[in-house]
Amino acid sequence: MLISLLLTVPSTPEPVPGFFGTLTPYLLVVALVVGSVLLSFFRFGNEAIERLFIIGIPVSLATATTLELLALYSVGNNAIWWCDPDRFGFWGGFFRMIPLMLILACQVWSLFGYEAFLAKTELLSEKDVTISLKPTFIAMLLALPLAVVVAYVLQWQLHVPKIYQEIGFIGTLVIVLAIGLGMAVKKNMERLGATYGIVITGFTIFYVLGIVAVIWLLIVGIIQMIFQEIFLLGISALFLFKSGILEDMSSMYKPTVFYDKHGGRHTNGADADAYNRTH
């Protein structure tokens, strides 16, 4: 009875409609990310193939990130329905979440793997292939907070019309992102040339967005599992309490007390008998 309660799914949520309610987009993400990471280990020694994969690897990773972002945009937190403990139980959700953790690890490592791949190519072996990520990351980190501050000042301090508030908000986002991306493009072009510098800077944008998207989904999944576990523990405790099992278990571990003729307490009968003989 207790085991069945622990494995019971409390409810069966409604199926997720559309393309992102199937496994197809998620399998595509796995294939694109894992395939890109595996390709970074190879050394082809052919300039035509190298040119293909210098562009192809970031494009594949960007496509995977686009699918992740579209999933979040289309179905929100239901994007991880395939490892939802409400659908598959606690352990079902736990083991299904492992691929999500692996994808996050692959996406985090992909930047370093791609740098290693570039360093092995004949085309870029004599260049500094360190990818400039810092300006892009800082710009993406600061853009939204600064835009909110600008909108707040325009609305509450300057009391300008709403159209100008929106222009200020969007303009701040664009300017901050343009500065950060411009600095990153400049550094990457100096190191890798114009074409590769632009492509690789675009890759860093998707790199950051992809990691943020997967981390968010992972947090959502972990929270769902925590609530599922709390729910199951609560049901189990209620069952044990109502059935009297807890009381029976506590009585099993309650020590037996032996009393001598004067009412003294002893942990065993031999001590009580010995006291009675000597007193």
Foldseek 3Di string as FASTA:
>chain_A
DLVCLQQDQPAADDQDDDPLSDCVLVVLLLCLLVVLLVVLVDQDQDVVVLVCSLLVSLVSLLVSLVSLVVLCVPPNLCSVVCLQCNHRNLVSNVVSCVVLVVSLVSLVCSLVSSLSSQCNYPLQVPFNSNQDQVLQVVLVVVQQVVLVVQLCCVCPPVNDDPVVSVVSSVVSNVVSNCVSLVVRLVVQCVGPNNPSSNSVSVSSNSSVSSSVSSVVSSVSSVVSSVVSVVVSVVVSVVVCVVVVVVVVVVVVPDQDWDAAPVGDTDRDPVVNVVVNVVD
